[in-house]
Protein backbone atom coordinates (compact mmCIF):
# COMPACT_ATOMS: atom_id res chain seq x y z
CA MET A 1 -32.49 21.25 -44.64
CA SER A 2 -30.88 24.65 -44.98
CA THR A 3 -27.17 25.37 -44.95
CA SER A 4 -27.45 26.96 -41.50
CA ASP A 5 -29.20 23.82 -40.13
CA ALA A 6 -26.35 21.66 -41.46
CA GLY A 7 -23.82 23.96 -39.76
CA VAL A 8 -25.70 23.70 -36.46
CA ASP A 9 -25.78 19.89 -36.75
CA LEU A 10 -22.03 19.79 -37.39
CA GLU A 11 -21.41 22.09 -34.45
CA GLU A 12 -23.59 19.96 -32.16
CA LYS A 13 -21.81 16.81 -33.34
CA PHE A 14 -18.43 18.44 -32.70
CA PHE A 15 -19.33 19.39 -29.13
CA HIS A 16 -21.03 16.04 -28.50
CA ASP A 17 -17.90 14.20 -29.67
CA ALA A 18 -15.68 16.48 -27.56
CA ASP A 19 -17.86 15.84 -24.49
CA GLU A 20 -17.76 12.08 -25.11
CA ALA A 21 -13.96 12.16 -25.35
CA LYS A 22 -13.77 14.06 -22.04
CA ILE A 23 -16.15 11.60 -20.39
CA GLN A 24 -14.10 8.63 -21.61
CA ALA A 25 -10.88 10.25 -20.37
CA LEU A 26 -12.44 10.85 -16.95
CA LYS A 27 -13.73 7.26 -16.80
CA GLN A 28 -10.26 5.95 -17.65
CA LYS A 29 -8.68 8.17 -15.00
CA LEU A 30 -11.17 6.91 -12.41
CA GLU A 31 -10.52 3.27 -13.37
CA ASP A 32 -6.76 3.84 -13.14
CA GLU A 33 -7.14 5.44 -9.70
CA LYS A 34 -9.33 2.55 -8.49
CA ALA A 35 -6.81 0.00 -9.80
CA SER A 36 -3.99 1.84 -8.06
CA GLU A 37 -5.92 1.98 -4.79
CA ALA A 38 -6.73 -1.72 -5.02
CA ALA A 39 -3.05 -2.52 -5.63
CA ASP A 40 -2.08 -0.41 -2.63
CA GLU A 41 -4.64 -2.22 -0.46
CA ARG A 42 -3.38 -5.63 -1.60
CA LYS A 43 0.19 -4.59 -0.90
CA ALA A 44 -0.74 -3.36 2.57
CA LEU A 45 -2.44 -6.68 3.34
CA HIS A 46 0.22 -8.98 1.90
CA HIS A 47 3.50 -7.05 1.84
CA LEU A 48 6.24 -9.17 3.38
CA HIS A 49 3.85 -11.94 4.33
CA CYS A 50 4.64 -15.55 3.55
CA GLY A 51 3.03 -16.84 0.37
CA LYS A 52 2.65 -20.29 1.92
CA CYS A 53 1.25 -19.64 5.39
CA GLY A 54 0.61 -15.87 5.58
CA THR A 55 2.94 -15.20 8.52
CA LYS A 56 4.82 -11.89 8.59
CA MET A 57 8.30 -12.50 7.15
CA ASP A 58 11.51 -11.62 9.02
CA THR A 59 14.35 -9.86 7.23
CA GLN A 60 17.73 -11.56 7.61
CA ILE A 61 21.15 -11.03 6.11
CA PHE A 62 22.41 -14.05 4.18
CA LYS A 63 25.79 -13.81 2.44
CA GLY A 64 25.47 -10.02 2.48
CA ILE A 65 21.98 -9.99 0.93
CA GLU A 66 18.80 -9.01 2.78
CA ILE A 67 16.31 -11.84 2.35
CA GLU A 68 12.94 -12.46 3.93
CA VAL A 69 12.44 -15.71 5.84
CA CYS A 70 9.18 -17.02 7.28
CA PRO A 71 9.63 -17.77 10.99
CA SER A 72 6.73 -20.23 10.84
CA CYS A 73 7.40 -22.47 7.82
CA GLY A 74 10.88 -21.40 6.73
CA ALA A 75 9.90 -20.21 3.24
CA VAL A 76 12.28 -17.69 1.68
CA LEU A 77 11.33 -14.60 -0.33
CA LEU A 78 13.94 -13.14 -2.68
CA ASP A 79 13.67 -9.82 -4.44
CA PRO A 80 14.40 -9.64 -8.18
CA GLY A 81 18.10 -10.27 -8.82
CA GLU A 82 18.88 -11.63 -5.36
CA LEU A 83 19.01 -15.24 -6.51
CA GLN A 84 21.58 -14.34 -9.16
CA GLU A 85 23.60 -12.43 -6.55
CA LEU A 86 23.59 -15.43 -4.21
CA VAL A 87 24.30 -18.25 -6.68
CA GLY A 88 25.60 -16.47 -9.78
CA GLU A 89 24.24 -16.47 -13.30
CA ASP A 90 22.58 -19.55 -14.79
CA GLU A 91 25.46 -20.97 -16.82
CA SER A 92 23.67 -24.24 -17.52
CA GLY A 93 21.17 -22.51 -19.76
CA VAL A 94 18.20 -24.18 -18.06
CA VAL A 95 16.22 -20.96 -17.79
CA LYS A 96 16.99 -20.07 -21.41
CA THR A 97 16.03 -23.56 -22.59
CA ILE A 98 12.70 -23.44 -20.75
CA SER A 99 12.02 -19.96 -22.13
CA GLU A 100 12.78 -21.09 -25.68
CA PHE A 101 10.55 -24.16 -25.25
CA PHE A 102 7.57 -22.10 -24.23
CA SER A 103 8.13 -19.50 -26.94
CA PHE A 104 8.30 -22.35 -29.49
CA SER A 105 5.09 -23.86 -28.06
CA ARG A 106 3.19 -20.60 -28.53
CA LYS A 107 4.17 -20.41 -32.22
CA GLY A 108 2.91 -23.92 -33.01
């Protein structure tokens, strides 16, 4: 194999590797877009629907907080932080204790 043949092989490998990287990046972008579309579809189907019976939830004000209540079965949906706003922080440490228990279980 001559020196010029080796140079051509290296050049072909370089462009092949560059093309492969571009293809992988495009595949990842397509997968990300599909995942985002699927999440949007799920949200459109289930957003503000009861997790127990599927009925559309009603928004009500309770102690100054907007909560969602199912008119069919009475289930309540709280957004992140709303429980703490309604009842205060967990001073008993129950949540912390449970969290520590499960983190200990994973180590063992």
